[in-house]
C-alpha atoms as a PDB file:
ATOM      1  CA  MET A   1     -30.741   3.446   5.674  1.00  0.00           C
ATOM      2  CA  SER A   2     -27.281   1.994   6.491  1.00  0.00           C
ATOM      3  CA  THR A   3     -27.129  -1.154   8.694  1.00  0.00           C
ATOM      4  CA  LYS A   4     -23.393  -0.316   9.826  1.00  0.00           C
ATOM      5  CA  ALA A   5     -22.046   2.851  11.748  1.00  0.00           C
ATOM      6  CA  LEU A   6     -18.475   4.375  11.545  1.00  0.00           C
ATOM      7  CA  LEU A   7     -17.481   5.472  14.978  1.00  0.00           C
ATOM      8  CA  GLU A   8     -16.066   8.859  15.344  1.00  0.00           C
ATOM      9  CA  ASP A   9     -13.810  10.113  18.237  1.00  0.00           C
ATOM     10  CA  GLY A  10     -14.041   8.360  21.657  1.00  0.00           C
ATOM     11  CA  PRO A  11     -11.350   5.871  22.671  1.00  0.00           C
ATOM     12  CA  GLU A  12      -8.389   5.490  20.206  1.00  0.00           C
ATOM     13  CA  GLU A  13      -9.056   1.716  19.779  1.00  0.00           C
ATOM     14  CA  LEU A  14     -12.748   2.344  18.748  1.00  0.00           C
ATOM     15  CA  ALA A  15     -12.368   5.358  16.630  1.00  0.00           C
ATOM     16  CA  GLY A  16     -12.744   4.741  12.883  1.00  0.00           C
ATOM     17  CA  THR A  17     -14.183   1.208  13.405  1.00  0.00           C
ATOM     18  CA  VAL A  18     -17.356  -0.042  11.556  1.00  0.00           C
ATOM     19  CA  VAL A  19     -20.017  -1.783  13.674  1.00  0.00           C
ATOM     20  CA  PRO A  20     -23.416  -2.996  13.055  1.00  0.00           C
ATOM     21  CA  ILE A  21     -26.333  -0.926  14.339  1.00  0.00           C
ATOM     22  CA  VAL A  22     -29.801  -2.370  15.054  1.00  0.00           C
ATOM     23  CA  PRO A  23     -31.979  -0.625  14.915  1.00  0.00           C
ATOM     24  CA  PRO A  24     -30.624   2.132  12.721  1.00  0.00           C
ATOM     25  CA  GLY A  25     -31.000   5.828  13.925  1.00  0.00           C
ATOM     26  CA  GLN A  26     -30.660   5.064  17.572  1.00  0.00           C
ATOM     27  CA  GLU A  27     -28.003   5.795  20.019  1.00  0.00           C
ATOM     28  CA  LEU A  28     -25.011   3.160  20.265  1.00  0.00           C
ATOM     29  CA  LYS A  29     -23.851   1.713  23.599  1.00  0.00           C
ATOM     30  CA  ILE A  30     -20.521  -0.076  23.059  1.00  0.00           C
ATOM     31  CA  PRO A  31     -19.248  -2.131  25.963  1.00  0.00           C
ATOM     32  CA  HIS A  32     -15.615  -1.235  26.453  1.00  0.00           C
ATOM     33  CA  ARG A  33     -13.049  -1.655  29.233  1.00  0.00           C
ATOM     34  CA  GLY A  34     -15.505  -2.134  32.170  1.00  0.00           C
ATOM     35  CA  GLY A  35     -17.914   0.535  30.849  1.00  0.00           C
ATOM     36  CA  TYR A  36     -19.918   1.636  27.910  1.00  0.00           C
ATOM     37  CA  GLU A  37     -19.046   4.164  25.273  1.00  0.00           C
ATOM     38  CA  HIS A  38     -21.963   6.301  24.016  1.00  0.00           C
ATOM     39  CA  TYR A  39     -22.251   7.354  20.345  1.00  0.00           C
ATOM     40  CA  LYS A  40     -24.983   9.655  18.962  1.00  0.00           C
ATOM     41  CA  VAL A  41     -26.162   9.454  15.226  1.00  0.00           C
ATOM     42  CA  THR A  42     -25.144  12.274  12.898  1.00  0.00           C
ATOM     43  CA  THR A  43     -26.433  13.246   9.594  1.00  0.00           C
ATOM     44  CA  ARG A  44     -23.109  12.554   7.862  1.00  0.00           C
ATOM     45  CA  HIS A  45     -22.302   9.344   5.901  1.00  0.00           C
ATOM     46  CA  GLU A  46     -19.009   7.916   4.571  1.00  0.00           C
ATOM     47  CA  GLU A  47     -18.195   5.430   1.803  1.00  0.00           C
ATOM     48  CA  ILE A  48     -16.559   2.530   3.281  1.00  0.00           C
ATOM     49  CA  GLU A  49     -15.656  -0.531   1.026  1.00  0.00           C
ATOM     50  CA  GLN A  50     -18.205   0.544  -1.501  1.00  0.00           C
ATOM     51  CA  GLU A  51     -20.994   0.794   1.122  1.00  0.00           C
ATOM     52  CA  LYS A  52     -22.569   4.010   2.435  1.00  0.00           C
ATOM     53  CA  VAL A  53     -22.448   4.010   6.304  1.00  0.00           C
ATOM     54  CA  THR A  54     -23.670   6.363   8.974  1.00  0.00           C
ATOM     55  CA  VAL A  55     -21.243   8.228  11.065  1.00  0.00           C
ATOM     56  CA  TYR A  56     -21.934   8.032  14.887  1.00  0.00           C
ATOM     57  CA  ARG A  57     -20.054  10.455  17.022  1.00  0.00           C
ATOM     58  CA  TRP A  58     -18.804   9.697  20.578  1.00  0.00           C
ATOM     59  CA  TRP A  59     -20.450  11.785  23.305  1.00  0.00           C
ATOM     60  CA  GLU A  60     -19.854  10.065  26.692  1.00  0.00           C
ATOM     61  CA  ARG A  61     -18.692   7.124  28.671  1.00  0.00           C
ATOM     62  CA  THR A  62     -20.416   5.585  31.716  1.00  0.00           C
ATOM     63  CA  GLU A  63     -19.107   2.986  34.021  1.00  0.00           C
ATOM     64  CA  THR A  64     -20.544  -0.528  34.695  1.00  0.00           C
ATOM     65  CA  ALA A  65     -22.086  -0.783  38.301  1.00  0.00           C
ATOM     66  CA  GLU A  66     -20.676  -3.635  40.319  1.00  0.00           C
END
């Protein structure tokens, strides 16, 4: 299983970036601009720099409590 994720959709500055995933297959919660962007794993994979990575699709944003 891939140890990296390709982020799909969500904020423009995160879309298309590759990030590490630990543990694989779980939801990703990325800190971003005072909140979190949430990504869910898909069944799709992309070839990035000769490595097969799992595509994670954006599904919601949550704000950080102060």
